[in-house]
Structure formats: structure tokens, C-alpha cells
Amino acid sequence: MHILMVEDDLDLGRALLQALKAEGITGEWLRRAVDARRFVETAAVDCILLDVSLPDGTGYELLSGWRREGLNVPIIIITARTGLEERVASLDEGADDFLVKPFAPVELVSRIRAVVRRSAQQASEVWKLGELEIEPNRYVVRLAGESLKLSPREFRLLVELSREPGVIVPKSELAERLEPLGDPVDFGTIEVHISNLRRRIGAQRIRTIRGVGYMLLP
């Protein structure tokens, strides 16, 4: 999982990135609203952590702007403001959750996983697609009750395709998600991993949309 954190507090930002990394969550950290706007235009993330008070604007302005533009990535507001009106405003603008500082990193990780599950229309820790079962947090895949051994990239590829079964995921988006902190994976490598994944879960479960990307059939 790869997230964007928009937070101007240096100490908090460093601490949160370290805590998330320990849980297998990679992240990009930006401190200004203008940089966050530019980043979201070109990069794919699974969740956004958004502070309310930023040096060049407010998190609410970013939130409302992104929702007007159709961005459907889960967004969690993080703020030191505790008033009920703040929470109501956040949810009314389209936030998926609201977390008051200070908070325990373990709670943040739990909230991130929960909103991502809801976004992926998966309501539990076990994602079920027919005979295929995936436990993203435990790196477990089962087919008809039998555990499968997948390479780390095969597993990540399967998770990305499983977020929205029946929806085409472009190759370019998969290339970025497989290496969120490095150079995108080349398309030839993705095709090799798709081929390997088909042998393990059944070729009929992954459809190629020529020239576009791939779809995991529900």
C-alpha cells in the first residue's frame, strides 16, 4: 500500500513515515498544498492523510477541490482541532475519516486499512472473489482453500487488481503501484508477472484489455 501524507510538522511527519514503513506501508510526504495538488495529478496512491493547517492553505480547500474534480481516493483528515463542527465539516466535504492529534500510530494504520478496504468494496480482512481469497495484511492467498505461494510482486499485482474486480487497471497505473518509490516497472516485466499469476490462480481470472491493461474477473 502506498499513501500520500500532507503534513507540515517535521517531527510528526518523520515519525509517521517511520511507523507506517514498519507496517509495510510506503508513503510520500509533502508539506505544502500546492505540491500536493501537483503530485495527485500524476501519481497513484491508495490513501491520503491530510492535515488541516498548511503553510499555503487549508486541508479543507484541498479536500473539497479534489472531490469536485472526481478524485475518489480515501482521505483521512488529521488535525489538532477537536470540535464537533470540524469533524462534521470534514465529512461533509468528502473525508472518509477524521483523526485528532495526538494519536497512536497503530490507530492510524488501522484507520488507513479500514478506509482502503471500504474503498475497494472489501468489508473484511479477507477479500473473497469466488474460490479466490486474499488477506492483504497477512500476505496470504488461497484458491479453493489451498494456500498459494506467490512472489512479492505477484502478490502485490494480485492485490492491486483485486481492489476493483471487473474494472480495467491500466498498465501505466500498475507500473507505478508496483514500485511506488522507484522507477515504474516496465510493461514487459508486468506481462511476465501476469503470465506467472495466471498459472497460479487460473488464466480465466485475468483478462487482458489489449493496449490498455488488465481486469480481474469477479
C-alpha atoms as a PDB file:
ATOM      1  CA  MET A   1       0.000   0.000   0.000  1.00  0.00           C
ATOM      2  CA  HIS A   2       1.256   3.481  -0.901  1.00  0.00           C
ATOM      3  CA  ILE A   3      -0.063   6.671   0.705  1.00  0.00           C
ATOM      4  CA  LEU A   4       0.371  10.433   0.413  1.00  0.00           C
ATOM      5  CA  MET A   5       0.807  12.409   3.638  1.00  0.00           C
ATOM      6  CA  VAL A   6       0.268  16.180   3.539  1.00  0.00           C
ATOM      7  CA  GLU A   7       1.596  17.414   6.887  1.00  0.00           C
ATOM      8  CA  ASP A   8       3.784  20.435   7.654  1.00  0.00           C
ATOM      9  CA  ASP A   9       5.036  19.317  11.095  1.00  0.00           C
ATOM     10  CA  LEU A  10       8.571  17.976  10.600  1.00  0.00           C
ATOM     11  CA  ASP A  11       8.744  15.820  13.721  1.00  0.00           C
ATOM     12  CA  LEU A  12       5.299  14.324  13.241  1.00  0.00           C
ATOM     13  CA  GLY A  13       5.874  13.701   9.556  1.00  0.00           C
ATOM     14  CA  ARG A  14       9.099  11.790  10.150  1.00  0.00           C
ATOM     15  CA  ALA A  15       7.572   9.758  12.977  1.00  0.00           C
ATOM     16  CA  LEU A  16       4.502   8.793  10.964  1.00  0.00           C
ATOM     17  CA  LEU A  17       6.503   7.741   7.913  1.00  0.00           C
ATOM     18  CA  GLN A  18       8.693   5.536  10.097  1.00  0.00           C
ATOM     19  CA  ALA A  19       5.669   3.979  11.823  1.00  0.00           C
ATOM     20  CA  LEU A  20       3.913   3.311   8.529  1.00  0.00           C
ATOM     21  CA  LYS A  21       7.029   1.783   6.986  1.00  0.00           C
ATOM     22  CA  ALA A  22       7.222  -0.655   9.925  1.00  0.00           C
ATOM     23  CA  GLU A  23       3.721  -1.834   8.931  1.00  0.00           C
ATOM     24  CA  GLY A  24       4.651  -2.301   5.278  1.00  0.00           C
ATOM     25  CA  ILE A  25       3.025   0.954   4.125  1.00  0.00           C
ATOM     26  CA  THR A  26       5.134   3.172   1.868  1.00  0.00           C
ATOM     27  CA  GLY A  27       4.496   6.871   1.584  1.00  0.00           C
ATOM     28  CA  GLU A  28       5.220  10.229   0.001  1.00  0.00           C
ATOM     29  CA  TRP A  29       5.412  13.177   2.385  1.00  0.00           C
ATOM     30  CA  LEU A  30       4.628  16.725   1.255  1.00  0.00           C
ATOM     31  CA  ARG A  31       4.307  19.847   3.388  1.00  0.00           C
ATOM     32  CA  ARG A  32       2.536  22.333   1.093  1.00  0.00           C
ATOM     33  CA  ALA A  33      -0.882  22.331  -0.535  1.00  0.00           C
ATOM     34  CA  VAL A  34       0.486  23.377  -3.921  1.00  0.00           C
ATOM     35  CA  ASP A  35       2.868  20.414  -4.012  1.00  0.00           C
ATOM     36  CA  ALA A  36       0.084  18.024  -3.017  1.00  0.00           C
ATOM     37  CA  ARG A  37      -2.113  19.267  -5.882  1.00  0.00           C
ATOM     38  CA  ARG A  38       0.661  18.692  -8.412  1.00  0.00           C
ATOM     39  CA  PHE A  39       1.545  15.284  -7.004  1.00  0.00           C
ATOM     40  CA  VAL A  40      -2.008  13.922  -7.143  1.00  0.00           C
ATOM     41  CA  GLU A  41      -2.314  14.971 -10.790  1.00  0.00           C
ATOM     42  CA  THR A  42       0.360  12.486 -11.852  1.00  0.00           C
ATOM     43  CA  ALA A  43       0.764   9.820  -9.135  1.00  0.00           C
ATOM     44  CA  ALA A  44      -1.378   6.955  -7.880  1.00  0.00           C
ATOM     45  CA  VAL A  45      -1.855   6.452  -4.140  1.00  0.00           C
ATOM     46  CA  ASP A  46      -4.142   4.244  -2.071  1.00  0.00           C
ATOM     47  CA  CYS A  47      -4.936   6.792   0.647  1.00  0.00           C
ATOM     48  CA  ILE A  48      -4.249  10.444   1.561  1.00  0.00           C
ATOM     49  CA  LEU A  49      -3.501  11.684   5.088  1.00  0.00           C
ATOM     50  CA  LEU A  50      -4.380  15.363   5.089  1.00  0.00           C
ATOM     51  CA  ASP A  51      -3.556  17.938   7.762  1.00  0.00           C
ATOM     52  CA  VAL A  52      -5.979  20.849   8.124  1.00  0.00           C
ATOM     53  CA  SER A  53      -3.436  23.643   8.728  1.00  0.00           C
ATOM     54  CA  LEU A  54      -0.875  24.050   5.948  1.00  0.00           C
ATOM     55  CA  PRO A  55       1.550  26.931   5.231  1.00  0.00           C
ATOM     56  CA  ASP A  56      -0.159  27.868   1.946  1.00  0.00           C
ATOM     57  CA  GLY A  57      -3.789  26.911   2.529  1.00  0.00           C
ATOM     58  CA  THR A  58      -6.043  24.504   4.354  1.00  0.00           C
ATOM     59  CA  GLY A  59      -6.667  20.807   4.088  1.00  0.00           C
ATOM     60  CA  TYR A  60     -10.363  21.548   3.607  1.00  0.00           C
ATOM     61  CA  GLU A  61      -9.593  23.502   0.433  1.00  0.00           C
ATOM     62  CA  LEU A  62      -7.589  20.595  -0.924  1.00  0.00           C
ATOM     63  CA  LEU A  63     -10.256  18.107   0.084  1.00  0.00           C
ATOM     64  CA  SER A  64     -13.166  19.965  -1.499  1.00  0.00           C
ATOM     65  CA  GLY A  65     -11.156  20.656  -4.652  1.00  0.00           C
ATOM     66  CA  TRP A  66     -10.171  17.023  -5.096  1.00  0.00           C
ATOM     67  CA  ARG A  67     -13.728  15.807  -4.578  1.00  0.00           C
ATOM     68  CA  ARG A  68     -15.094  18.341  -7.090  1.00  0.00           C
ATOM     69  CA  GLU A  69     -12.555  17.042  -9.595  1.00  0.00           C
ATOM     70  CA  GLY A  70     -13.751  13.483  -9.044  1.00  0.00           C
ATOM     71  CA  LEU A  71     -10.829  12.131  -7.019  1.00  0.00           C
ATOM     72  CA  ASN A  72     -12.151   9.062  -5.177  1.00  0.00           C
ATOM     73  CA  VAL A  73      -9.027   8.113  -3.213  1.00  0.00           C
ATOM     74  CA  PRO A  74      -9.793   7.617   0.515  1.00  0.00           C
ATOM     75  CA  ILE A  75      -8.835  10.737   2.507  1.00  0.00           C
ATOM     76  CA  ILE A  76      -8.267  10.869   6.264  1.00  0.00           C
ATOM     77  CA  ILE A  77      -8.189  14.299   7.916  1.00  0.00           C
ATOM     78  CA  ILE A  78      -5.564  14.605  10.686  1.00  0.00           C
ATOM     79  CA  THR A  79      -5.764  17.688  12.907  1.00  0.00           C
ATOM     80  CA  ALA A  80      -5.306  19.025  16.414  1.00  0.00           C
ATOM     81  CA  ARG A  81      -8.756  20.633  16.296  1.00  0.00           C
ATOM     82  CA  THR A  82     -11.233  18.701  18.434  1.00  0.00           C
ATOM     83  CA  GLY A  83     -14.538  20.478  17.872  1.00  0.00           C
ATOM     84  CA  LEU A  84     -17.555  18.610  16.578  1.00  0.00           C
ATOM     85  CA  GLU A  85     -18.017  21.215  13.861  1.00  0.00           C
ATOM     86  CA  GLU A  86     -14.567  20.335  12.500  1.00  0.00           C
ATOM     87  CA  ARG A  87     -15.500  16.675  12.146  1.00  0.00           C
ATOM     88  CA  VAL A  88     -18.830  17.489  10.545  1.00  0.00           C
ATOM     89  CA  ALA A  89     -17.159  19.874   8.084  1.00  0.00           C
ATOM     90  CA  SER A  90     -14.580  17.253   7.132  1.00  0.00           C
ATOM     91  CA  LEU A  91     -17.159  14.560   6.452  1.00  0.00           C
ATOM     92  CA  ASP A  92     -19.430  16.984   4.588  1.00  0.00           C
ATOM     93  CA  GLU A  93     -16.541  17.927   2.289  1.00  0.00           C
ATOM     94  CA  GLY A  94     -15.933  14.263   1.464  1.00  0.00           C
ATOM     95  CA  ALA A  95     -13.404  12.964   4.002  1.00  0.00           C
ATOM     96  CA  ASP A  96     -13.565   9.237   4.705  1.00  0.00           C
ATOM     97  CA  ASP A  97     -12.346   9.545   8.289  1.00  0.00           C
ATOM     98  CA  PHE A  98     -11.140  12.081  10.884  1.00  0.00           C
ATOM     99  CA  LEU A  99      -8.315  11.591  13.390  1.00  0.00           C
ATOM    100  CA  VAL A 100      -7.448  14.023  16.209  1.00  0.00           C
ATOM    101  CA  LYS A 101      -3.812  14.616  17.201  1.00  0.00           C
ATOM    102  CA  PRO A 102      -2.128  13.214  19.149  1.00  0.00           C
ATOM    103  CA  PHE A 103      -2.954   9.661  18.125  1.00  0.00           C
ATOM    104  CA  ALA A 104      -1.227   6.293  18.348  1.00  0.00           C
ATOM    105  CA  PRO A 105       0.405   5.113  15.106  1.00  0.00           C
ATOM    106  CA  VAL A 106      -1.353   1.756  15.484  1.00  0.00           C
ATOM    107  CA  GLU A 107      -4.717   3.549  15.338  1.00  0.00           C
ATOM    108  CA  LEU A 108      -3.680   5.442  12.214  1.00  0.00           C
ATOM    109  CA  VAL A 109      -2.626   2.204  10.492  1.00  0.00           C
ATOM    110  CA  SER A 110      -5.949   0.619  11.418  1.00  0.00           C
ATOM    111  CA  ARG A 111      -7.896   3.615  10.074  1.00  0.00           C
ATOM    112  CA  ILE A 112      -5.902   3.579   6.805  1.00  0.00           C
ATOM    113  CA  ARG A 113      -6.570  -0.101   6.233  1.00  0.00           C
ATOM    114  CA  ALA A 114     -10.256   0.344   7.048  1.00  0.00           C
ATOM    115  CA  VAL A 115     -10.884   3.189   4.582  1.00  0.00           C
ATOM    116  CA  VAL A 116      -8.891   1.407   1.861  1.00  0.00           C
ATOM    117  CA  ARG A 117     -10.974  -1.742   2.405  1.00  0.00           C
ATOM    118  CA  ARG A 118     -14.168   0.265   2.135  1.00  0.00           C
ATOM    119  CA  SER A 119     -12.898   1.993  -0.983  1.00  0.00           C
ATOM    120  CA  ALA A 120     -12.081  -1.372  -2.517  1.00  0.00           C
ATOM    121  CA  GLN A 121     -15.575  -2.572  -1.565  1.00  0.00           C
ATOM    122  CA  GLN A 122     -13.989  -5.206   0.657  1.00  0.00           C
ATOM    123  CA  ALA A 123     -15.540  -5.147   4.135  1.00  0.00           C
ATOM    124  CA  SER A 124     -13.178  -7.514   5.953  1.00  0.00           C
ATOM    125  CA  GLU A 125      -9.544  -8.521   6.268  1.00  0.00           C
ATOM    126  CA  VAL A 126     -10.240 -11.393   3.848  1.00  0.00           C
ATOM    127  CA  TRP A 127     -11.110 -10.386   0.277  1.00  0.00           C
ATOM    128  CA  LYS A 128     -13.228 -13.051  -1.415  1.00  0.00           C
ATOM    129  CA  LEU A 129     -13.636 -13.426  -5.164  1.00  0.00           C
ATOM    130  CA  GLY A 130     -15.294 -16.766  -5.751  1.00  0.00           C
ATOM    131  CA  GLU A 131     -12.847 -19.514  -4.786  1.00  0.00           C
ATOM    132  CA  LEU A 132     -10.040 -16.959  -4.508  1.00  0.00           C
ATOM    133  CA  GLU A 133      -9.320 -15.489  -1.049  1.00  0.00           C
ATOM    134  CA  ILE A 134      -6.760 -12.754  -0.329  1.00  0.00           C
ATOM    135  CA  GLU A 135      -5.562 -11.454   3.028  1.00  0.00           C
ATOM    136  CA  PRO A 136      -3.573  -8.302   2.112  1.00  0.00           C
ATOM    137  CA  ASN A 137      -2.301  -7.636   5.637  1.00  0.00           C
ATOM    138  CA  ARG A 138      -1.007 -11.190   6.102  1.00  0.00           C
ATOM    139  CA  TYR A 139       0.333 -11.760   2.562  1.00  0.00           C
ATOM    140  CA  VAL A 140      -1.868 -14.836   2.206  1.00  0.00           C
ATOM    141  CA  VAL A 141      -3.653 -16.107  -0.918  1.00  0.00           C
ATOM    142  CA  ARG A 142      -5.849 -19.193  -1.086  1.00  0.00           C
ATOM    143  CA  LEU A 143      -7.528 -20.867  -4.042  1.00  0.00           C
ATOM    144  CA  ALA A 144     -10.306 -23.318  -3.182  1.00  0.00           C
ATOM    145  CA  GLY A 145      -8.910 -23.415   0.358  1.00  0.00           C
ATOM    146  CA  GLU A 146      -5.335 -24.208  -0.719  1.00  0.00           C
ATOM    147  CA  SER A 147      -2.571 -21.701   0.045  1.00  0.00           C
ATOM    148  CA  LEU A 148      -0.667 -20.362  -2.951  1.00  0.00           C
ATOM    149  CA  LYS A 149       2.978 -19.336  -2.993  1.00  0.00           C
ATOM    150  CA  LEU A 150       3.357 -16.050  -4.835  1.00  0.00           C
ATOM    151  CA  SER A 151       6.414 -13.871  -5.250  1.00  0.00           C
ATOM    152  CA  PRO A 152       6.186 -10.425  -3.571  1.00  0.00           C
ATOM    153  CA  ARG A 153       5.477  -8.749  -6.915  1.00  0.00           C
ATOM    154  CA  GLU A 154       2.920 -11.341  -7.949  1.00  0.00           C
ATOM    155  CA  PHE A 155       1.155 -10.831  -4.624  1.00  0.00           C
ATOM    156  CA  ARG A 156       1.179  -7.044  -4.946  1.00  0.00           C
ATOM    157  CA  LEU A 157      -0.057  -7.284  -8.526  1.00  0.00           C
ATOM    158  CA  LEU A 158      -2.940  -9.512  -7.432  1.00  0.00           C
ATOM    159  CA  VAL A 159      -3.866  -7.108  -4.626  1.00  0.00           C
ATOM    160  CA  GLU A 160      -3.916  -4.131  -6.997  1.00  0.00           C
ATOM    161  CA  LEU A 161      -6.146  -5.972  -9.467  1.00  0.00           C
ATOM    162  CA  SER A 162      -8.413  -7.139  -6.615  1.00  0.00           C
ATOM    163  CA  ARG A 163      -9.170  -3.642  -5.331  1.00  0.00           C
ATOM    164  CA  GLU A 164     -11.823  -3.205  -8.028  1.00  0.00           C
ATOM    165  CA  PRO A 165     -12.797  -6.555  -9.559  1.00  0.00           C
ATOM    166  CA  GLY A 166     -14.311  -6.166 -13.005  1.00  0.00           C
ATOM    167  CA  VAL A 167     -12.612  -2.796 -13.561  1.00  0.00           C
ATOM    168  CA  ILE A 168      -9.750  -2.319 -16.023  1.00  0.00           C
ATOM    169  CA  VAL A 169      -6.467  -1.298 -14.361  1.00  0.00           C
ATOM    170  CA  PRO A 170      -4.165   0.450 -16.881  1.00  0.00           C
ATOM    171  CA  LYS A 171      -0.641  -0.900 -17.302  1.00  0.00           C
ATOM    172  CA  SER A 172       0.788   2.536 -16.525  1.00  0.00           C
ATOM    173  CA  GLU A 173      -1.015   2.585 -13.174  1.00  0.00           C
ATOM    174  CA  LEU A 174       0.171  -0.921 -12.293  1.00  0.00           C
ATOM    175  CA  ALA A 175       3.730   0.077 -13.228  1.00  0.00           C
ATOM    176  CA  GLU A 176       3.668   2.897 -10.640  1.00  0.00           C
ATOM    177  CA  ARG A 177       1.919   0.895  -7.916  1.00  0.00           C
ATOM    178  CA  LEU A 178       4.405  -1.983  -8.097  1.00  0.00           C
ATOM    179  CA  GLU A 179       7.333   0.385  -7.418  1.00  0.00           C
ATOM    180  CA  PRO A 180       5.821   3.476  -5.725  1.00  0.00           C
ATOM    181  CA  LEU A 181       9.163   4.803  -4.503  1.00  0.00           C
ATOM    182  CA  GLY A 182      11.278   3.952  -7.541  1.00  0.00           C
ATOM    183  CA  ASP A 183      11.165   3.919 -11.308  1.00  0.00           C
ATOM    184  CA  PRO A 184       7.937   2.418 -12.699  1.00  0.00           C
ATOM    185  CA  VAL A 185       8.154  -1.247 -13.682  1.00  0.00           C
ATOM    186  CA  ASP A 186       8.421  -1.685 -17.455  1.00  0.00           C
ATOM    187  CA  PHE A 187       5.447  -3.185 -19.262  1.00  0.00           C
ATOM    188  CA  GLY A 188       7.389  -6.283 -20.334  1.00  0.00           C
ATOM    189  CA  THR A 189       8.059  -7.168 -16.701  1.00  0.00           C
ATOM    190  CA  ILE A 190       4.388  -6.695 -15.849  1.00  0.00           C
ATOM    191  CA  GLU A 191       3.419  -9.090 -18.647  1.00  0.00           C
ATOM    192  CA  VAL A 192       5.785 -11.723 -17.236  1.00  0.00           C
ATOM    193  CA  HIS A 193       4.280 -11.367 -13.749  1.00  0.00           C
ATOM    194  CA  ILE A 194       0.748 -11.522 -15.179  1.00  0.00           C
ATOM    195  CA  SER A 195       1.645 -14.716 -17.010  1.00  0.00           C
ATOM    196  CA  ASN A 196       3.028 -16.271 -13.813  1.00  0.00           C
ATOM    197  CA  LEU A 197      -0.001 -15.137 -11.840  1.00  0.00           C
ATOM    198  CA  ARG A 198      -2.370 -16.678 -14.378  1.00  0.00           C
ATOM    199  CA  ARG A 199      -0.658 -20.055 -13.986  1.00  0.00           C
ATOM    200  CA  ARG A 200      -1.196 -19.889 -10.230  1.00  0.00           C
ATOM    201  CA  ILE A 201      -4.773 -18.609  -9.959  1.00  0.00           C
ATOM    202  CA  GLY A 202      -6.184 -19.670 -13.333  1.00  0.00           C
ATOM    203  CA  ALA A 203      -5.782 -17.948 -16.682  1.00  0.00           C
ATOM    204  CA  GLN A 204      -9.525 -17.299 -16.963  1.00  0.00           C
ATOM    205  CA  ARG A 205      -9.474 -14.985 -13.927  1.00  0.00           C
ATOM    206  CA  ILE A 206      -7.344 -12.266 -15.536  1.00  0.00           C
ATOM    207  CA  ARG A 207      -8.474 -10.656 -18.775  1.00  0.00           C
ATOM    208  CA  THR A 208      -6.109  -8.650 -20.965  1.00  0.00           C
ATOM    209  CA  ILE A 209      -7.544  -5.491 -22.491  1.00  0.00           C
ATOM    210  CA  ARG A 210      -5.164  -5.064 -25.393  1.00  0.00           C
ATOM    211  CA  GLY A 211      -3.307  -1.780 -25.392  1.00  0.00           C
ATOM    212  CA  VAL A 212      -4.880  -0.714 -22.087  1.00  0.00           C
ATOM    213  CA  GLY A 213      -4.334  -3.017 -19.129  1.00  0.00           C
ATOM    214  CA  TYR A 214      -5.814  -5.916 -17.171  1.00  0.00           C
ATOM    215  CA  MET A 215      -9.022  -6.833 -15.378  1.00  0.00           C
ATOM    216  CA  LEU A 216      -9.536  -9.365 -12.597  1.00  0.00           C
ATOM    217  CA  LEU A 217     -12.886 -11.050 -13.130  1.00  0.00           C
ATOM    218  CA  PRO A 218     -15.106 -11.166 -10.018  1.00  0.00           C
END
